[in-house]
N, C-alpha and C. Protein backbone atom coordinates (compact mmCIF):
# COMPACT_ATOMS: atom_id res chain seq x y z
N MET A 1 -69.69 9.87 19.47
CA MET A 1 -69.01 8.86 19.96
C MET A 1 -67.92 8.51 19.11
N VAL A 2 -66.85 8.09 19.55
CA VAL A 2 -65.66 7.77 18.86
C VAL A 2 -65.70 6.30 18.60
N ASP A 3 -65.30 6.07 17.32
CA ASP A 3 -65.11 4.58 16.87
C ASP A 3 -63.85 3.99 17.39
N ARG A 4 -63.94 2.97 18.12
CA ARG A 4 -62.76 2.42 18.49
C ARG A 4 -61.84 1.68 17.44
N GLY A 5 -62.50 1.39 16.21
CA GLY A 5 -61.66 0.97 15.17
C GLY A 5 -60.76 1.88 14.47
N VAL A 6 -61.42 3.26 14.52
CA VAL A 6 -60.42 4.31 13.91
C VAL A 6 -59.48 4.73 14.94
N ASP A 7 -59.59 4.52 16.26
CA ASP A 7 -58.75 4.99 17.13
C ASP A 7 -57.75 3.81 17.18
N LEU A 8 -57.82 2.59 16.97
CA LEU A 8 -56.83 1.70 17.01
C LEU A 8 -55.92 1.64 15.60
N SER A 9 -56.68 2.15 14.41
CA SER A 9 -55.95 2.39 13.19
C SER A 9 -55.10 3.52 13.46
N LEU A 10 -55.34 4.57 13.82
CA LEU A 10 -54.52 5.74 14.11
C LEU A 10 -53.25 5.36 14.85
N MET A 11 -53.57 4.57 16.02
CA MET A 11 -52.74 4.23 16.90
C MET A 11 -51.51 3.36 16.05
N ALA A 12 -52.14 2.34 15.26
CA ALA A 12 -51.23 1.51 14.54
C ALA A 12 -50.30 2.25 13.49
N ILE A 13 -50.93 3.37 12.89
CA ILE A 13 -50.27 4.20 12.12
C ILE A 13 -49.07 5.06 12.66
N LEU A 14 -49.30 5.52 13.83
CA LEU A 14 -48.46 6.13 14.51
C LEU A 14 -47.16 5.22 14.99
N VAL A 15 -47.58 4.28 15.30
CA VAL A 15 -46.62 3.12 15.74
C VAL A 15 -45.71 2.74 14.64
N SER A 16 -46.34 2.51 13.40
CA SER A 16 -45.58 2.25 12.23
C SER A 16 -44.77 3.49 11.72
N VAL A 17 -45.06 4.68 11.95
CA VAL A 17 -44.30 5.78 11.48
C VAL A 17 -43.06 5.79 12.64
N LEU A 18 -43.25 5.58 13.83
CA LEU A 18 -42.33 5.81 14.85
C LEU A 18 -41.22 4.53 14.51
N ALA A 19 -41.67 3.36 14.13
CA ALA A 19 -40.85 2.41 13.84
C ALA A 19 -39.91 2.50 12.70
N ALA A 20 -40.68 3.21 11.64
CA ALA A 20 -39.86 3.55 10.33
C ALA A 20 -38.81 4.51 10.78
N GLY A 21 -39.11 5.52 11.45
CA GLY A 21 -38.27 6.47 11.91
C GLY A 21 -37.03 6.04 12.76
N PHE A 22 -37.37 4.98 13.67
CA PHE A 22 -36.34 4.43 14.50
C PHE A 22 -35.56 3.58 13.55
N ALA A 23 -36.14 2.76 12.52
CA ALA A 23 -35.10 2.14 11.59
C ALA A 23 -34.31 2.85 10.78
N GLY A 24 -34.88 4.10 10.47
CA GLY A 24 -33.96 5.01 9.63
C GLY A 24 -32.80 5.45 10.58
N TYR A 25 -33.01 5.72 11.65
CA TYR A 25 -32.03 6.22 12.63
C TYR A 25 -30.85 5.09 12.88
N GLN A 26 -31.46 4.08 12.89
CA GLN A 26 -30.50 2.91 13.05
C GLN A 26 -29.66 2.77 11.85
N ALA A 27 -30.23 2.91 10.79
CA ALA A 27 -29.38 2.89 9.51
C ALA A 27 -28.48 3.85 9.32
N TRP A 28 -28.78 5.29 9.75
CA TRP A 28 -27.98 6.38 9.80
C TRP A 28 -26.75 5.96 10.73
N ILE A 29 -27.08 5.39 11.86
CA ILE A 29 -26.04 4.99 12.90
C ILE A 29 -25.10 4.14 12.27
N GLY A 30 -25.77 3.01 11.62
CA GLY A 30 -24.78 1.92 10.98
C GLY A 30 -23.82 2.36 10.01
N ALA A 31 -24.36 3.19 9.09
CA ALA A 31 -23.75 3.84 8.05
C ALA A 31 -22.38 4.77 8.67
N ARG A 32 -22.70 5.49 9.75
CA ARG A 32 -21.72 6.34 10.35
C ARG A 32 -20.73 5.45 11.15
N GLN A 33 -21.16 4.17 11.60
CA GLN A 33 -20.01 3.35 12.15
C GLN A 33 -19.23 2.77 10.95
N ILE A 34 -19.75 2.45 9.93
CA ILE A 34 -19.01 1.97 8.88
C ILE A 34 -17.89 2.87 8.46
N ARG A 35 -18.24 4.13 8.36
CA ARG A 35 -17.39 5.23 8.07
C ARG A 35 -16.23 5.30 8.88
N ILE A 36 -16.58 5.31 10.37
CA ILE A 36 -15.57 5.30 11.27
C ILE A 36 -14.75 4.27 11.33
N GLN A 37 -15.34 2.95 10.97
CA GLN A 37 -14.44 1.72 11.03
C GLN A 37 -13.49 1.89 9.95
N ARG A 38 -13.93 2.22 8.76
CA ARG A 38 -13.27 2.40 7.58
C ARG A 38 -11.89 3.23 7.82
N ALA A 39 -12.22 4.48 8.44
CA ALA A 39 -11.16 5.24 8.71
C ALA A 39 -10.16 4.83 9.71
N ALA A 40 -10.68 4.01 10.78
CA ALA A 40 -9.85 3.58 11.77
C ALA A 40 -8.96 2.54 11.10
N SER A 41 -9.69 1.58 10.17
CA SER A 41 -8.81 0.73 9.44
C SER A 41 -7.48 1.16 8.82
N GLU A 42 -7.95 2.22 8.05
CA GLU A 42 -6.98 2.87 7.15
C GLU A 42 -5.89 3.55 8.01
N LEU A 43 -6.31 4.19 9.10
CA LEU A 43 -5.19 4.64 10.07
C LEU A 43 -4.25 3.47 10.78
N THR A 44 -4.85 2.45 10.94
CA THR A 44 -4.25 1.36 11.45
C THR A 44 -3.23 0.75 10.47
N PHE A 45 -3.76 0.72 9.15
CA PHE A 45 -2.86 0.25 8.01
C PHE A 45 -1.64 1.25 7.89
N ASN A 46 -1.80 2.40 7.82
CA ASN A 46 -0.97 3.52 7.78
C ASN A 46 0.16 3.28 9.01
N LEU A 47 -0.26 3.10 10.04
CA LEU A 47 0.58 2.93 11.44
C LEU A 47 1.36 1.53 11.12
N GLU A 48 0.95 0.61 10.90
CA GLU A 48 1.50 -0.72 10.62
C GLU A 48 2.73 -0.59 9.54
N LEU A 49 2.19 0.09 8.42
CA LEU A 49 3.03 0.38 7.22
C LEU A 49 4.23 1.12 7.81
N MET A 50 3.85 2.29 8.53
CA MET A 50 5.19 3.17 9.07
C MET A 50 6.11 2.31 10.07
N ASN A 51 5.34 1.55 11.01
CA ASN A 51 6.19 0.69 11.70
C ASN A 51 7.00 -0.41 11.14
N ARG A 52 6.51 -0.99 9.82
CA ARG A 52 7.20 -1.76 9.08
C ARG A 52 8.50 -1.11 8.46
N MET A 53 8.11 0.00 8.01
CA MET A 53 9.25 0.77 7.20
C MET A 53 10.24 1.34 8.17
N ASP A 54 9.96 1.78 9.35
CA ASP A 54 10.92 1.97 10.38
C ASP A 54 11.78 0.80 10.81
N ALA A 55 11.09 -0.29 10.97
CA ALA A 55 11.91 -1.55 11.23
C ALA A 55 12.76 -1.70 10.03
N VAL A 56 12.55 -1.81 8.86
CA VAL A 56 13.35 -1.93 7.69
C VAL A 56 14.37 -0.96 7.59
N LEU A 57 14.06 0.06 7.81
CA LEU A 57 15.30 1.25 7.64
C LEU A 57 16.20 1.27 8.86
N LEU A 58 15.81 0.88 10.03
CA LEU A 58 16.65 0.62 11.16
C LEU A 58 17.39 -0.70 11.03
N ALA A 59 17.01 -1.62 10.36
CA ALA A 59 17.78 -2.76 10.15
C ALA A 59 18.80 -2.59 9.08
N ILE A 60 18.42 -1.82 8.09
CA ILE A 60 19.45 -1.27 7.18
C ILE A 60 20.47 -0.48 7.78
N ALA A 61 20.22 0.45 8.58
CA ALA A 61 21.20 1.38 9.38
C ALA A 61 22.09 0.74 10.19
N ASP A 62 21.49 -0.35 10.86
CA ASP A 62 22.31 -1.23 11.94
C ASP A 62 23.47 -2.16 11.20
N ARG A 63 23.41 -2.42 9.98
CA ARG A 63 24.17 -3.10 9.35
C ARG A 63 24.94 -2.49 8.21
N PRO A 64 26.25 -2.23 8.49
CA PRO A 64 26.96 -1.38 7.52
C PRO A 64 26.99 -1.91 6.16
N GLU A 65 27.17 -3.24 6.07
CA GLU A 65 27.24 -3.96 4.61
C GLU A 65 25.93 -3.95 4.15
N ALA A 66 24.85 -3.96 4.75
CA ALA A 66 23.40 -4.00 4.16
C ALA A 66 23.23 -2.50 3.69
N HIS A 67 23.75 -1.55 4.58
CA HIS A 67 23.68 0.10 4.34
C HIS A 67 24.18 0.08 2.95
N ALA A 68 25.33 -0.22 2.75
CA ALA A 68 26.37 0.02 1.61
C ALA A 68 25.52 -0.72 0.36
N HIS A 69 25.09 -1.79 0.63
CA HIS A 69 24.26 -2.58 -0.44
C HIS A 69 23.06 -1.79 -0.90
N VAL A 70 22.21 -1.52 -0.05
CA VAL A 70 20.97 -0.77 -0.16
C VAL A 70 21.03 0.58 -0.90
N TRP A 71 21.87 1.46 -0.23
CA TRP A 71 21.92 2.86 -0.42
C TRP A 71 23.02 3.17 -1.50
N ALA A 72 23.65 2.13 -2.08
CA ALA A 72 24.81 2.60 -3.01
C ALA A 72 23.87 2.97 -4.49
N ARG A 73 24.17 4.40 -4.66
CA ARG A 73 23.35 5.22 -5.85
C ARG A 73 23.91 4.59 -7.16
N ASP A 74 25.01 4.25 -7.20
CA ASP A 74 25.51 3.67 -8.49
C ASP A 74 26.40 2.54 -8.23
N SER A 75 26.24 1.59 -9.17
CA SER A 75 27.15 0.26 -8.93
C SER A 75 27.91 0.20 -10.08
N SER A 76 29.24 -0.03 -9.78
CA SER A 76 30.18 -0.36 -10.96
C SER A 76 29.96 -1.64 -11.69
N GLY A 77 29.27 -2.44 -10.79
CA GLY A 77 28.94 -3.90 -11.12
C GLY A 77 27.45 -4.15 -10.87
N ARG A 78 26.97 -5.24 -11.22
CA ARG A 78 25.66 -5.53 -10.78
C ARG A 78 25.54 -5.90 -9.30
N PRO A 79 24.65 -5.23 -8.58
CA PRO A 79 24.48 -5.66 -7.19
C PRO A 79 24.11 -7.07 -6.91
N ALA A 80 24.90 -7.56 -5.71
CA ALA A 80 24.70 -8.94 -5.63
C ALA A 80 23.22 -9.48 -5.15
N GLN A 81 22.80 -10.52 -5.84
CA GLN A 81 21.67 -11.10 -5.34
C GLN A 81 21.64 -12.33 -4.87
N ASP A 82 22.37 -12.29 -3.65
CA ASP A 82 22.78 -13.51 -3.05
C ASP A 82 22.12 -13.80 -1.74
N TYR A 83 20.93 -13.05 -1.50
CA TYR A 83 20.05 -13.23 -0.18
C TYR A 83 21.01 -12.97 0.90
N SER A 84 22.19 -12.00 0.93
CA SER A 84 22.74 -11.63 2.07
C SER A 84 21.63 -10.69 2.81
N PRO A 85 22.13 -10.07 3.95
CA PRO A 85 21.37 -9.15 4.61
C PRO A 85 20.97 -7.97 3.72
N GLY A 86 21.81 -7.54 2.96
CA GLY A 86 21.65 -6.32 2.06
C GLY A 86 20.54 -6.64 0.98
N HIS A 87 20.70 -7.84 0.31
CA HIS A 87 19.76 -8.20 -0.70
C HIS A 87 18.33 -8.53 -0.06
N VAL A 88 18.24 -8.89 1.10
CA VAL A 88 17.02 -9.26 1.91
C VAL A 88 16.41 -8.00 2.30
N LEU A 89 17.14 -7.07 2.68
CA LEU A 89 16.66 -5.82 3.23
C LEU A 89 16.30 -5.04 2.06
N THR A 90 16.78 -5.06 1.04
CA THR A 90 16.44 -4.38 -0.07
C THR A 90 14.93 -4.71 -0.69
N GLN A 91 14.84 -6.23 -0.75
CA GLN A 91 13.53 -6.62 -1.06
C GLN A 91 12.50 -6.13 -0.06
N ALA A 92 12.87 -6.17 1.35
CA ALA A 92 11.86 -5.90 2.44
C ALA A 92 11.58 -4.49 2.10
N LEU A 93 12.58 -3.43 1.69
CA LEU A 93 12.06 -2.12 1.53
C LEU A 93 11.05 -2.02 0.30
N ILE A 94 11.31 -2.69 -0.71
CA ILE A 94 10.53 -2.65 -1.77
C ILE A 94 9.03 -3.40 -1.42
N ASP A 95 9.12 -4.28 -0.50
CA ASP A 95 7.82 -4.80 -0.17
C ASP A 95 7.06 -3.94 0.55
N VAL A 96 7.57 -3.07 1.48
CA VAL A 96 6.87 -2.09 2.09
C VAL A 96 6.41 -0.99 1.10
N LEU A 97 7.13 -0.58 0.24
CA LEU A 97 6.66 0.51 -0.82
C LEU A 97 5.45 -0.12 -1.68
N GLU A 98 5.55 -1.54 -2.05
CA GLU A 98 4.49 -2.15 -2.84
C GLU A 98 3.31 -2.08 -1.98
N LEU A 99 3.29 -2.46 -0.47
CA LEU A 99 1.99 -2.33 0.18
C LEU A 99 1.75 -0.98 0.32
N ALA A 100 2.43 0.04 0.41
CA ALA A 100 1.83 1.40 0.21
C ALA A 100 1.40 1.75 -0.87
N MET A 101 1.80 1.23 -2.00
CA MET A 101 1.09 1.61 -3.33
C MET A 101 -0.06 0.89 -3.46
N GLN A 102 -0.14 -0.22 -3.08
CA GLN A 102 -1.21 -1.21 -3.20
C GLN A 102 -2.46 -0.47 -2.33
N GLY A 103 -2.08 -0.07 -1.07
CA GLY A 103 -3.14 0.67 -0.12
C GLY A 103 -3.63 1.89 -0.88
N THR A 104 -2.80 2.70 -1.63
CA THR A 104 -3.26 3.92 -2.29
C THR A 104 -4.40 3.58 -3.32
N HIS A 105 -4.37 2.37 -3.94
CA HIS A 105 -5.27 1.95 -4.97
C HIS A 105 -6.42 1.34 -4.26
N ARG A 106 -6.36 0.59 -3.08
CA ARG A 106 -7.53 -0.09 -2.62
C ARG A 106 -8.11 0.51 -1.47
N LEU A 107 -7.73 1.61 -0.79
CA LEU A 107 -8.27 2.00 0.45
C LEU A 107 -8.57 3.53 0.04
N PRO A 108 -9.87 3.94 0.03
CA PRO A 108 -10.18 5.19 -0.47
C PRO A 108 -9.61 6.35 0.40
N GLY A 109 -9.73 6.30 1.59
CA GLY A 109 -9.24 7.16 2.47
C GLY A 109 -7.52 7.41 2.46
N PHE A 110 -6.86 6.11 2.20
CA PHE A 110 -5.39 6.17 2.18
C PHE A 110 -4.76 6.80 0.80
N ALA A 111 -5.82 6.79 -0.18
CA ALA A 111 -5.52 7.36 -1.55
C ALA A 111 -4.77 8.92 -1.42
N VAL A 112 -5.32 9.62 -0.23
CA VAL A 112 -4.64 10.84 -0.16
C VAL A 112 -3.25 10.96 0.13
N SER A 113 -2.81 9.81 0.45
CA SER A 113 -1.32 9.45 0.75
C SER A 113 -0.53 9.16 -0.62
N LYS A 114 -1.31 8.94 -1.66
CA LYS A 114 -0.54 8.37 -2.89
C LYS A 114 0.64 9.14 -3.34
N GLU A 115 0.49 10.53 -3.29
CA GLU A 115 1.68 11.26 -3.82
C GLU A 115 2.80 11.19 -2.93
N GLY A 116 2.53 11.22 -1.55
CA GLY A 116 3.51 11.19 -0.61
C GLY A 116 4.47 9.82 -0.85
N TRP A 117 3.70 8.75 -0.91
CA TRP A 117 4.14 7.39 -0.93
C TRP A 117 4.85 7.32 -2.29
N GLY A 118 4.40 7.78 -3.29
CA GLY A 118 4.93 7.86 -4.68
C GLY A 118 6.14 8.45 -4.82
N ASP A 119 6.10 9.65 -4.25
CA ASP A 119 7.47 10.46 -4.21
C ASP A 119 8.57 9.54 -3.41
N TYR A 120 8.31 9.25 -2.30
CA TYR A 120 9.15 8.41 -1.47
C TYR A 120 9.64 7.21 -2.45
N ALA A 121 8.74 6.43 -3.05
CA ALA A 121 9.03 5.35 -3.93
C ALA A 121 10.12 5.85 -5.10
N CYS A 122 9.81 6.82 -5.78
CA CYS A 122 10.74 7.48 -6.74
C CYS A 122 11.97 7.82 -6.19
N GLU A 123 12.15 8.33 -5.05
CA GLU A 123 13.32 8.79 -4.32
C GLU A 123 14.08 7.72 -4.11
N ALA A 124 13.69 6.49 -3.45
CA ALA A 124 14.28 5.42 -3.28
C ALA A 124 14.82 4.66 -4.45
N PHE A 125 14.11 4.77 -5.64
CA PHE A 125 14.37 4.12 -6.81
C PHE A 125 15.66 4.93 -7.43
N ASP A 126 15.69 6.34 -7.22
CA ASP A 126 16.77 7.20 -7.88
C ASP A 126 18.10 6.88 -6.91
N LEU A 127 17.87 6.63 -5.59
CA LEU A 127 19.01 6.65 -4.80
C LEU A 127 19.59 5.23 -4.66
N SER A 128 19.01 4.06 -4.91
CA SER A 128 19.26 2.67 -4.50
C SER A 128 19.56 1.99 -5.92
N ALA A 129 20.85 1.70 -6.26
CA ALA A 129 21.07 0.74 -7.48
C ALA A 129 20.37 -0.60 -7.27
N ALA A 130 20.57 -1.02 -5.91
CA ALA A 130 20.01 -2.45 -5.84
C ALA A 130 18.39 -2.42 -5.89
N LEU A 131 17.75 -1.39 -5.38
CA LEU A 131 16.36 -1.43 -5.50
C LEU A 131 16.00 -1.35 -6.93
N ARG A 132 16.62 -0.44 -7.79
CA ARG A 132 16.37 -0.24 -9.09
C ARG A 132 16.54 -1.63 -9.94
N GLN A 133 17.67 -2.47 -9.66
CA GLN A 133 17.96 -3.64 -10.12
C GLN A 133 16.64 -4.75 -9.77
N GLU A 134 16.24 -4.66 -8.59
CA GLU A 134 15.34 -5.56 -8.18
C GLU A 134 13.87 -5.33 -8.81
N VAL A 135 13.60 -4.07 -8.90
CA VAL A 135 12.29 -3.76 -9.45
C VAL A 135 12.28 -3.86 -10.95
N ILE A 136 13.34 -3.53 -11.62
CA ILE A 136 13.32 -3.51 -13.12
C ILE A 136 13.42 -4.85 -13.50
N GLU A 137 14.10 -5.79 -12.90
CA GLU A 137 14.24 -7.27 -13.45
C GLU A 137 13.00 -8.00 -12.98
N HIS A 138 12.42 -7.59 -11.96
CA HIS A 138 11.11 -8.38 -11.38
C HIS A 138 9.98 -7.46 -11.36
N PRO A 139 9.50 -6.91 -12.43
CA PRO A 139 8.37 -5.85 -12.09
C PRO A 139 6.92 -6.82 -11.83
N THR A 140 6.80 -7.96 -12.04
CA THR A 140 5.63 -8.68 -11.76
C THR A 140 5.62 -9.00 -10.32
N TRP A 141 6.77 -9.03 -9.58
CA TRP A 141 6.84 -9.37 -8.19
C TRP A 141 6.01 -8.19 -7.25
N TRP A 142 6.26 -6.98 -7.91
CA TRP A 142 5.93 -5.74 -7.20
C TRP A 142 5.09 -4.84 -8.31
N PRO A 143 3.90 -5.52 -8.61
CA PRO A 143 3.06 -4.69 -9.91
C PRO A 143 2.84 -3.38 -9.58
N ASN A 144 2.35 -3.00 -8.31
CA ASN A 144 1.86 -1.61 -8.30
C ASN A 144 2.83 -0.50 -8.23
N LEU A 145 4.11 -0.99 -7.62
CA LEU A 145 5.31 -0.18 -7.32
C LEU A 145 5.88 -0.04 -8.99
N SER A 146 5.71 -1.07 -9.52
CA SER A 146 6.45 -1.18 -10.87
C SER A 146 5.60 -0.17 -11.96
N ASP A 147 4.36 -0.33 -11.70
CA ASP A 147 3.38 0.61 -12.48
C ASP A 147 3.85 2.01 -12.15
N HIS A 148 3.79 2.28 -10.89
CA HIS A 148 4.18 3.70 -10.48
C HIS A 148 5.42 4.20 -10.91
N LEU A 149 6.41 3.30 -10.87
CA LEU A 149 7.77 3.76 -11.42
C LEU A 149 7.87 3.92 -12.98
N GLN A 150 7.02 3.02 -13.47
CA GLN A 150 7.00 3.16 -15.03
C GLN A 150 6.36 4.49 -15.43
N ALA A 151 5.39 4.82 -14.69
CA ALA A 151 4.64 6.20 -15.01
C ALA A 151 5.69 7.33 -14.65
N ASN A 152 6.19 7.20 -13.76
CA ASN A 152 6.97 8.40 -13.15
C ASN A 152 8.51 8.50 -13.51
N ARG A 153 9.09 7.29 -13.95
CA ARG A 153 10.33 7.29 -14.37
C ARG A 153 10.40 6.38 -15.79
N PRO A 154 9.81 7.03 -16.73
CA PRO A 154 9.75 6.55 -17.99
C PRO A 154 11.17 6.23 -18.76
N ASP A 155 12.11 6.77 -18.26
CA ASP A 155 13.47 6.56 -18.86
C ASP A 155 14.03 5.14 -18.31
N ALA A 156 13.50 4.63 -17.21
CA ALA A 156 13.97 3.35 -16.73
C ALA A 156 13.41 2.25 -17.49
N VAL A 157 14.29 1.17 -17.92
CA VAL A 157 13.74 0.29 -18.72
C VAL A 157 13.07 -0.90 -17.92
N PHE A 158 11.95 -1.16 -17.94
CA PHE A 158 11.43 -2.29 -17.21
C PHE A 158 11.29 -3.47 -18.27
N GLN A 159 11.98 -4.66 -17.73
CA GLN A 159 12.00 -5.78 -18.65
C GLN A 159 12.21 -7.07 -17.60
N PRO A 160 11.54 -8.10 -17.72
CA PRO A 160 11.74 -9.13 -16.86
C PRO A 160 13.13 -9.71 -17.28
N THR A 161 13.83 -10.39 -16.46
CA THR A 161 15.10 -11.08 -16.88
C THR A 161 14.80 -12.77 -16.77
N LEU A 162 15.72 -13.30 -17.46
CA LEU A 162 15.73 -14.70 -17.64
C LEU A 162 16.95 -15.20 -17.06
N ALA A 163 17.80 -14.37 -16.38
CA ALA A 163 19.09 -14.78 -15.75
C ALA A 163 18.85 -15.20 -14.36
N ARG A 164 19.75 -16.08 -14.02
CA ARG A 164 19.80 -16.33 -12.58
C ARG A 164 20.25 -15.53 -11.73
N PRO A 165 20.07 -15.41 -10.33
CA PRO A 165 20.51 -14.14 -9.52
C PRO A 165 22.06 -14.07 -9.67
N ASP A 166 22.91 -15.21 -9.95
CA ASP A 166 24.38 -15.08 -10.10
C ASP A 166 24.85 -14.80 -11.48
N GLN A 167 23.89 -14.31 -12.48
CA GLN A 167 24.36 -14.25 -13.73
C GLN A 167 23.90 -12.91 -14.23
N GLU A 168 24.50 -12.41 -15.15
CA GLU A 168 24.08 -10.84 -15.66
C GLU A 168 23.06 -11.18 -16.50
N PRO A 169 22.12 -10.18 -16.46
CA PRO A 169 20.92 -10.49 -17.40
C PRO A 169 21.27 -10.25 -18.82
N GLY A 170 20.71 -11.06 -19.71
CA GLY A 170 20.99 -10.83 -21.05
C GLY A 170 19.70 -10.15 -21.82
N PRO A 171 19.82 -9.64 -23.01
CA PRO A 171 19.04 -9.06 -23.54
C PRO A 171 17.60 -9.99 -23.92
N ILE A 172 16.60 -9.47 -23.58
CA ILE A 172 15.41 -10.40 -24.11
C ILE A 172 15.09 -10.04 -25.67
N VAL A 173 14.93 -11.19 -26.12
CA VAL A 173 14.60 -11.12 -27.65
C VAL A 173 13.23 -11.38 -27.92
């Protein structure tokens, strides 16, 4: 004769094992969804960054005076910091590069883009006297970009300025 208490206990154990297995499966699905969501977020960030970069570069290209300001390799004088389109677009370009460098530090999947964005930042730094001036004079405004450029362009002197935008910076004592 079979004991009904034992049958009920075995049934309860079986249901508990199935519930634990189902909970484990749900946890696995949840972890997988988190990985997919992180990857989708990083791809969205990259796409938005590229769209912003395209918009800034096209705005620079559409304005000859801005293009001359931003992409002047060497300047016989200090590039104007007068909030003209060239100055504002220089800052917009730096902002995009700062976001890219920040993303390489904060987003694990985006870190694979660090070398490419870092190379682009160094190239822009080398090609643009206005960009160099802004980043060198205000490294705390763009800390991730400044850190990257200090590491990769050690011959560039980074120091904050005490000068107003319409003055030549003086030496910091």
